[in-house]
């Protein structure tokens, strides 16, 4: 249909049509300006990131992991590193210990799971000789007590407290399987994990909301809080320099120096001692500087020197986080499948039965009980020398 001439002229000359033309013109100007800005930005980016220049490096600790598993360090590498000065961050360092560098098959597989779940962390295996070197370097005053201990199990129980105090990070027994990245666990408690180098880099800004608060973590086993073994020392984690770990060193030194009696390694340096010290800490030293004042003149503060007015806390994680399988009474229904010393042991079935994935467990321990007062338990050692692969 054609429009009469007079109507078409009215439409062209009407004030409303002028407004439409102005609006369309404004849009055209904006589009042109946008194209010009994007073009100039592209040119600028090409100039800044040409082959002759590199983009600025990411902040330490926040680059995406490029490795498939944690970097393996020797104890000598770790011993040569500077001591931490940033006490409010968790170094990405996993400590494990064995008599030598030759791990039994199951231990090797479970240890690898920790490296694979935490590819941007570092991992060190401490041997008996390495542990002695650690004592000589950082705790020379304790050497006489270390050598007085009646068996290696006493020493390996004790020295993990030194790993935590001097370097921080995670300690895990070799019968621990890692199920999830540890970063997620500590992030949920508002603790930042960083490469170890940033723990002594004073130019690195602490981004944890806890600022310089020192944090130590342990796991609860089972649901019976009064059970004397309910807080095993098979797993622990900490920021460096936490004074809690000096309680064990101090109590051991006092016991051996005074000739006090003790019934076992568990009682002197193991899980019973750990639970007792946590109860002592929560009763007398949490949220105060009383522990720092107590240790002021003690040789146990030799490594970092006296620390004042730095907040610290100890957290016991719920049973499902670290020890979803308990070797105690409440774990009896699962023992046949979960205990590595059972003929029916099957780690995959165990994780299904205890619903580790449902709970969101980060670790699981299969309780090899490979140590005896006189060394390795040869009977249980055979169970971990066989591969877990079917």
Protein backbone atom coordinates (compact mmCIF):
# COMPACT_ATOMS: atom_id res chain seq x y z
CA UNK A 1 0.00 0.00 0.00
CA UNK A 2 1.33 3.44 -0.91
CA UNK A 3 1.24 6.37 1.57
CA UNK A 4 -0.23 9.65 0.26
CA UNK A 5 2.39 12.30 -0.41
CA UNK A 6 1.02 14.78 2.14
CA UNK A 7 1.19 12.19 4.92
CA UNK A 8 4.77 11.24 4.08
CA UNK A 9 5.84 14.91 4.18
CA UNK A 10 4.15 15.38 7.55
CA UNK A 11 5.99 12.38 8.91
CA UNK A 12 9.36 13.63 7.72
CA UNK A 13 8.83 17.16 9.00
CA UNK A 14 7.19 16.29 12.33
CA UNK A 15 9.05 17.09 15.61
CA UNK A 16 8.74 13.43 16.63
CA UNK A 17 10.73 12.32 13.55
CA UNK A 18 13.51 14.78 14.45
CA UNK A 19 13.78 13.14 17.87
CA UNK A 20 14.10 9.72 16.31
CA UNK A 21 16.88 10.90 14.04
CA UNK A 22 18.76 12.47 16.95
CA UNK A 23 18.42 9.25 18.96
CA UNK A 24 19.71 7.14 16.06
CA UNK A 25 22.59 9.52 15.57
CA UNK A 26 23.55 9.26 19.24
CA UNK A 27 23.59 5.47 19.03
CA UNK A 28 25.85 5.63 15.98
CA UNK A 29 28.29 7.89 17.85
CA UNK A 30 28.37 5.55 20.87
CA UNK A 31 28.97 2.49 18.71
CA UNK A 32 31.79 4.23 16.88
CA UNK A 33 33.38 5.33 20.17
CA UNK A 34 33.13 1.80 21.59
CA UNK A 35 34.85 0.31 18.56
CA UNK A 36 37.61 2.90 18.83
CA UNK A 37 38.17 2.12 22.55
CA UNK A 38 38.30 -1.65 21.99
CA UNK A 39 40.69 -1.21 19.06
CA UNK A 40 43.04 0.99 21.07
CA UNK A 41 42.87 -1.43 24.05
CA UNK A 42 43.82 -4.34 21.77
CA UNK A 43 46.76 -2.38 20.42
CA UNK A 44 47.84 -1.50 23.97
CA UNK A 45 47.65 -5.11 25.15
CA UNK A 46 49.63 -6.29 22.15
CA UNK A 47 52.27 -3.73 22.96
CA UNK A 48 52.45 -4.58 26.68
CA UNK A 49 52.57 -8.35 26.20
CA UNK A 50 54.64 -8.58 23.06
CA UNK A 51 57.43 -11.12 22.71
CA UNK A 52 59.79 -8.60 24.29
CA UNK A 53 57.83 -8.35 27.55
CA UNK A 54 56.18 -10.70 30.06
CA UNK A 55 53.00 -10.26 32.11
CA UNK A 56 53.54 -9.69 35.83
CA UNK A 57 53.92 -12.95 37.83
CA UNK A 58 50.99 -14.08 40.00
CA UNK A 59 51.11 -13.60 43.75
CA UNK A 60 52.96 -16.46 45.49
CA UNK A 61 50.60 -19.20 46.52
CA UNK A 62 47.84 -18.31 44.08
CA UNK A 63 49.15 -19.64 40.80
CA UNK A 64 47.34 -22.68 39.45
CA UNK A 65 49.17 -25.95 40.08
CA UNK A 66 50.95 -27.22 36.99
CA UNK A 67 52.26 -30.39 38.59
CA UNK A 68 50.41 -33.70 38.78
CA UNK A 69 51.68 -34.38 42.28
CA UNK A 70 53.54 -32.64 45.10
CA UNK A 71 57.21 -31.88 44.65
CA UNK A 72 59.43 -34.35 46.51
CA UNK A 73 62.03 -32.78 48.79
CA UNK A 74 64.84 -34.37 50.74
CA UNK A 75 65.08 -33.72 54.45
CA UNK A 76 68.42 -32.06 53.71
CA UNK A 77 66.59 -29.55 51.48
CA UNK A 78 64.12 -28.77 54.23
CA UNK A 79 66.77 -28.45 56.93
CA UNK A 80 68.65 -25.89 54.82
CA UNK A 81 65.68 -23.56 54.48
CA UNK A 82 65.31 -20.31 56.42
CA UNK A 83 62.97 -20.32 59.40
CA UNK A 84 59.48 -18.90 59.09
CA UNK A 85 58.70 -15.31 59.99
CA UNK A 86 55.03 -15.31 58.88
CA UNK A 87 53.20 -17.32 61.53
CA UNK A 88 49.65 -16.76 60.36
CA UNK A 89 49.79 -18.87 57.18
CA UNK A 90 49.92 -22.62 56.58
CA UNK A 91 52.96 -23.74 54.55
CA UNK A 92 52.13 -26.23 51.78
CA UNK A 93 54.46 -28.87 53.14
CA UNK A 94 53.56 -32.51 53.93
CA UNK A 95 55.77 -34.41 56.40
CA UNK A 96 55.91 -38.19 56.67
CA UNK A 97 58.42 -40.46 58.38
CA UNK A 98 59.87 -43.96 58.01
CA UNK A 99 63.03 -45.70 59.15
CA UNK A 100 64.57 -45.29 55.68
CA UNK A 101 63.59 -44.25 52.14
CA UNK A 102 62.20 -47.68 51.19
CA UNK A 103 58.46 -47.63 51.80
CA UNK A 104 56.34 -50.80 51.93
CA UNK A 105 53.91 -51.11 49.00
CA UNK A 106 50.74 -49.91 50.72
CA UNK A 107 52.53 -47.04 52.44
CA UNK A 108 53.96 -45.97 49.10
CA UNK A 109 50.51 -45.97 47.48
CA UNK A 110 48.81 -44.04 50.29
CA UNK A 111 51.68 -41.59 50.43
CA UNK A 112 51.31 -41.04 46.68
CA UNK A 113 47.62 -40.25 47.21
CA UNK A 114 48.64 -37.31 49.39
CA UNK A 115 51.01 -35.99 46.74
CA UNK A 116 48.37 -36.40 44.01
CA UNK A 117 45.60 -34.70 45.98
CA UNK A 118 47.91 -31.76 46.73
CA UNK A 119 49.94 -31.18 43.55
CA UNK A 120 51.05 -27.66 44.44
CA UNK A 121 52.37 -28.74 47.86
CA UNK A 122 55.77 -30.15 48.75
CA UNK A 123 56.42 -33.51 50.39
CA UNK A 124 59.29 -34.76 52.53
CA UNK A 125 59.99 -38.21 53.96
CA UNK A 126 62.05 -38.02 57.16
CA UNK A 127 64.19 -41.02 58.06
CA UNK A 128 65.50 -41.91 61.52
CA UNK A 129 68.81 -40.26 60.65
CA UNK A 130 67.06 -37.16 59.33
CA UNK A 131 65.13 -36.88 62.58
CA UNK A 132 68.37 -36.99 64.53
CA UNK A 133 69.80 -34.26 62.28
CA UNK A 134 66.71 -32.13 62.93
CA UNK A 135 67.16 -32.44 66.70
CA UNK A 136 70.85 -31.59 66.46
CA UNK A 137 70.22 -28.50 64.35
CA UNK A 138 67.16 -26.94 65.95
CA UNK A 139 66.86 -28.59 69.37
CA UNK A 140 70.46 -29.28 70.53
CA UNK A 141 69.45 -28.82 74.16
CA UNK A 142 67.03 -31.77 73.75
CA UNK A 143 69.56 -34.20 72.25
CA UNK A 144 70.40 -35.93 75.53
CA UNK A 145 66.73 -36.66 76.19
CA UNK A 146 66.17 -37.76 72.61
CA UNK A 147 68.96 -40.30 72.90
CA UNK A 148 67.71 -41.52 76.29
CA UNK A 149 64.37 -42.63 74.89
CA UNK A 150 64.03 -46.41 75.10
CA UNK A 151 62.84 -47.04 71.53
CA UNK A 152 62.44 -45.53 68.08
CA UNK A 153 58.66 -45.30 68.41
CA UNK A 154 59.17 -42.77 71.23
CA UNK A 155 61.35 -40.67 68.95
CA UNK A 156 59.11 -40.77 65.87
CA UNK A 157 56.11 -39.86 68.05
CA UNK A 158 57.99 -36.93 69.51
CA UNK A 159 59.73 -35.56 66.43
CA UNK A 160 56.49 -34.87 64.54
CA UNK A 161 55.90 -32.10 67.09
CA UNK A 162 59.20 -30.62 65.95
CA UNK A 163 58.13 -30.74 62.28
CA UNK A 164 55.04 -28.74 63.18
CA UNK A 165 56.80 -26.22 65.38
CA UNK A 166 59.75 -25.49 63.10
CA UNK A 167 58.14 -25.74 59.65
CA UNK A 168 54.39 -26.13 59.99
CA UNK A 169 52.30 -27.83 57.34
CA UNK A 170 50.78 -31.31 57.67
CA UNK A 171 52.11 -34.43 59.31
CA UNK A 172 50.43 -37.73 58.40
CA UNK A 173 51.26 -41.32 59.27
CA UNK A 174 51.99 -43.50 56.26
CA UNK A 175 48.76 -45.49 56.67
CA UNK A 176 46.81 -42.30 55.96
CA UNK A 177 45.15 -41.95 52.56
CA UNK A 178 44.38 -38.45 51.31
CA UNK A 179 40.90 -38.17 49.81
CA UNK A 180 40.57 -34.45 49.01
CA UNK A 181 42.82 -31.40 48.60
CA UNK A 182 43.92 -30.14 52.00
CA UNK A 183 43.56 -26.51 50.88
CA UNK A 184 39.78 -26.91 51.03
CA UNK A 185 39.91 -28.03 54.66
CA UNK A 186 42.01 -25.12 55.87
CA UNK A 187 40.09 -22.61 53.78
CA UNK A 188 36.94 -23.66 55.64
CA UNK A 189 38.71 -22.60 58.86
CA UNK A 190 39.88 -19.31 57.38
CA UNK A 191 43.54 -20.31 57.20
CA UNK A 192 45.55 -19.44 54.11
CA UNK A 193 47.87 -22.08 52.64
CA UNK A 194 51.00 -20.81 50.87
CA UNK A 195 54.28 -22.17 49.47
CA UNK A 196 56.82 -22.56 52.27
CA UNK A 197 59.02 -19.80 50.83
CA UNK A 198 56.36 -17.20 51.58
CA UNK A 199 56.35 -18.20 55.25
CA UNK A 200 59.74 -16.52 55.62
CA UNK A 201 59.26 -13.80 52.98
CA UNK A 202 58.55 -10.68 55.04
CA UNK A 203 57.41 -8.78 51.94
CA UNK A 204 54.55 -11.23 51.43
CA UNK A 205 51.27 -9.80 52.75
CA UNK A 206 49.29 -12.00 55.11
CA UNK A 207 45.80 -12.28 53.60
CA UNK A 208 44.33 -14.54 56.27
CA UNK A 209 41.55 -12.88 58.24
CA UNK A 210 43.11 -14.45 61.30
CA UNK A 211 46.13 -12.24 60.58
CA UNK A 212 49.07 -13.54 62.64
CA UNK A 213 47.09 -16.02 64.70
CA UNK A 214 48.90 -19.33 65.01
CA UNK A 215 46.62 -22.30 64.38
CA UNK A 216 47.11 -25.99 65.18
CA UNK A 217 44.74 -28.75 64.03
CA UNK A 218 44.18 -32.31 65.20
CA UNK A 219 41.53 -34.87 64.36
CA UNK A 220 39.03 -36.63 66.56
CA UNK A 221 38.57 -40.37 66.21
CA UNK A 222 35.17 -41.80 66.96
CA UNK A 223 32.29 -40.20 68.84
CA UNK A 224 33.32 -40.97 72.42
CA UNK A 225 35.05 -37.81 73.62
CA UNK A 226 36.10 -39.42 76.91
CA UNK A 227 37.95 -42.27 75.16
CA UNK A 228 41.63 -41.80 76.00
CA UNK A 229 42.68 -42.47 72.38
CA UNK A 230 40.06 -40.17 70.86
CA UNK A 231 42.66 -37.66 69.56
CA UNK A 232 45.36 -39.68 67.74
CA UNK A 233 48.72 -38.19 66.87
CA UNK A 234 48.63 -39.92 63.47
CA UNK A 235 47.71 -36.63 61.80
CA UNK A 236 48.34 -33.00 62.73
CA UNK A 237 48.67 -29.68 60.98
CA UNK A 238 49.85 -26.24 62.00
CA UNK A 239 51.18 -22.86 61.11
CA UNK A 240 54.86 -22.51 62.14
CA UNK A 241 55.91 -21.57 65.64
CA UNK A 242 52.80 -22.67 67.51
CA UNK A 243 53.76 -22.90 71.21
CA UNK A 244 51.43 -25.85 71.82
CA UNK A 245 54.00 -28.26 70.40
CA UNK A 246 56.54 -27.17 72.98
CA UNK A 247 54.35 -28.60 75.75
CA UNK A 248 55.22 -32.13 74.64
CA UNK A 249 58.94 -31.38 74.47
CA UNK A 250 58.90 -29.75 77.88
CA UNK A 251 56.93 -32.56 79.53
CA UNK A 252 59.18 -35.25 78.02
CA UNK A 253 62.32 -33.45 79.15
CA UNK A 254 60.93 -33.04 82.68
CA UNK A 255 59.89 -36.70 82.84
CA UNK A 256 63.23 -38.06 81.67
CA UNK A 257 65.22 -35.59 83.71
CA UNK A 258 63.31 -36.28 86.90
CA UNK A 259 63.17 -40.02 86.44
CA UNK A 260 59.37 -40.09 86.49
CA UNK A 261 57.70 -43.31 85.40
CA UNK A 262 55.66 -43.81 82.26
CA UNK A 263 53.94 -46.90 81.01
CA UNK A 264 54.42 -46.69 77.24
CA UNK A 265 55.25 -44.50 74.25
CA UNK A 266 51.57 -43.64 74.00
CA UNK A 267 51.71 -42.24 77.51
CA UNK A 268 54.94 -40.24 77.10
CA UNK A 269 54.99 -39.05 73.48
CA UNK A 270 51.95 -40.57 71.76
CA UNK A 271 48.17 -40.05 71.64
CA UNK A 272 47.58 -40.17 75.40
CA UNK A 273 50.14 -37.43 75.92
CA UNK A 274 48.62 -35.43 73.05
CA UNK A 275 45.10 -35.57 74.47
CA UNK A 276 46.39 -34.62 77.91
CA UNK A 277 48.29 -31.63 76.52
CA UNK A 278 45.27 -30.45 74.51
CA UNK A 279 43.16 -30.54 77.67
CA UNK A 280 45.89 -28.63 79.53
CA UNK A 281 46.12 -26.06 76.74
CA UNK A 282 42.36 -25.51 76.60
CA UNK A 283 42.15 -25.18 80.37
CA UNK A 284 45.09 -22.84 81.00
CA UNK A 285 46.53 -21.37 77.83
CA UNK A 286 43.91 -20.82 75.13
CA UNK A 287 43.28 -17.19 74.16
CA UNK A 288 46.03 -15.84 76.39
CA UNK A 289 49.76 -15.25 76.52
CA UNK A 290 50.15 -17.37 79.66
CA UNK A 291 51.89 -20.14 77.70
CA UNK A 292 54.36 -17.68 76.19
CA UNK A 293 55.12 -16.34 79.66
CA UNK A 294 55.58 -19.86 81.01
CA UNK A 295 58.04 -20.74 78.26
CA UNK A 296 59.92 -17.43 78.37
CA UNK A 297 63.02 -18.77 80.14
CA UNK A 298 62.76 -22.34 78.91
CA UNK A 299 65.22 -23.69 76.33
CA UNK A 300 62.26 -25.02 74.33
CA UNK A 301 61.83 -21.57 72.73
CA UNK A 302 65.36 -21.75 71.33
CA UNK A 303 64.23 -21.99 67.68
CA UNK A 304 62.24 -18.77 67.30
CA UNK A 305 62.93 -17.12 70.64
CA UNK A 306 60.19 -15.85 72.99
CA UNK A 307 56.98 -14.85 71.22
CA UNK A 308 54.69 -12.25 72.71
CA UNK A 309 51.16 -11.07 72.02
CA UNK A 310 50.61 -13.40 69.09
CA UNK A 311 47.28 -15.12 69.31
CA UNK A 312 47.13 -18.87 68.99
CA UNK A 313 44.45 -21.55 68.98
CA UNK A 314 44.08 -25.33 68.84
CA UNK A 315 41.22 -26.91 66.87
CA UNK A 316 40.12 -30.54 67.10
CA UNK A 317 38.36 -31.41 63.86
CA UNK A 318 35.17 -33.53 63.81
CA UNK A 319 35.60 -37.30 63.48
CA UNK A 320 34.59 -37.45 59.81
CA UNK A 321 37.27 -34.98 58.63
CA UNK A 322 40.44 -36.98 59.39
CA UNK A 323 39.57 -40.27 61.11
CA UNK A 324 36.22 -41.43 59.68
CA UNK A 325 37.23 -45.02 60.49
CA UNK A 326 37.84 -45.65 64.18
CA UNK A 327 39.77 -48.68 65.43
CA UNK A 328 37.91 -48.36 68.74
CA UNK A 329 34.54 -49.80 69.76
CA UNK A 330 32.47 -47.59 67.48
CA UNK A 331 34.44 -48.87 64.48
CA UNK A 332 33.95 -52.58 65.12
CA UNK A 333 31.30 -53.03 62.37
CA UNK A 334 33.83 -51.81 59.78
CA UNK A 335 36.99 -53.37 61.13
CA UNK A 336 36.98 -56.42 58.89
CA UNK A 337 37.08 -54.29 55.75
CA UNK A 338 38.84 -51.13 56.98
CA UNK A 339 41.70 -52.44 59.11
CA UNK A 340 44.75 -53.10 56.97
CA UNK A 341 45.59 -55.97 59.31
CA UNK A 342 42.39 -57.80 58.40
CA UNK A 343 42.42 -60.56 55.77
CA UNK A 344 39.32 -58.93 54.28
CA UNK A 345 40.82 -55.46 54.05
CA UNK A 346 39.57 -53.50 51.04
CA UNK A 347 40.18 -49.75 51.11
CA UNK A 348 37.61 -48.97 48.42
CA UNK A 349 34.85 -50.94 50.16
CA UNK A 350 35.86 -49.35 53.44
CA UNK A 351 35.34 -45.84 52.07
CA UNK A 352 31.93 -46.85 50.75
CA UNK A 353 30.85 -48.46 54.02
CA UNK A 354 31.79 -45.50 56.19
CA UNK A 355 30.38 -43.07 53.59
CA UNK A 356 33.61 -41.07 53.37
CA UNK A 357 32.40 -39.29 50.24
CA UNK A 358 29.03 -38.46 51.82
CA UNK A 359 30.71 -36.99 54.89
CA UNK A 360 33.24 -35.12 52.77
CA UNK A 361 36.18 -36.72 54.59
CA UNK A 362 39.60 -35.33 53.73
CA UNK A 363 41.67 -38.24 55.05
CA UNK A 364 41.24 -41.81 56.25
CA UNK A 365 43.59 -43.96 58.32
CA UNK A 366 43.71 -47.76 58.00
CA UNK A 367 45.58 -48.23 61.31
CA UNK A 368 48.50 -50.48 60.43
CA UNK A 369 49.95 -50.42 63.99
CA UNK A 370 53.31 -51.14 62.41
CA UNK A 371 55.35 -50.09 65.46
CA UNK A 372 56.13 -52.02 68.61
CA UNK A 373 58.13 -50.91 71.67
CA UNK A 374 61.21 -52.63 70.22
CA UNK A 375 60.84 -51.51 66.59
CA UNK A 376 58.56 -52.59 63.77
CA UNK A 377 55.83 -55.14 64.39
CA UNK A 378 56.92 -57.82 61.95
CA UNK A 379 53.49 -59.45 61.76
CA UNK A 380 51.67 -56.25 60.87
CA UNK A 381 54.52 -55.15 58.62
CA UNK A 382 53.75 -58.04 56.28
CA UNK A 383 50.25 -56.68 55.71
CA UNK A 384 51.51 -53.36 54.38
CA UNK A 385 54.25 -54.88 52.24
CA UNK A 386 51.60 -56.34 49.94
CA UNK A 387 50.11 -54.04 47.32
CA UNK A 388 46.53 -52.89 47.87
CA UNK A 389 45.82 -53.18 44.14
CA UNK A 390 43.55 -56.03 43.12
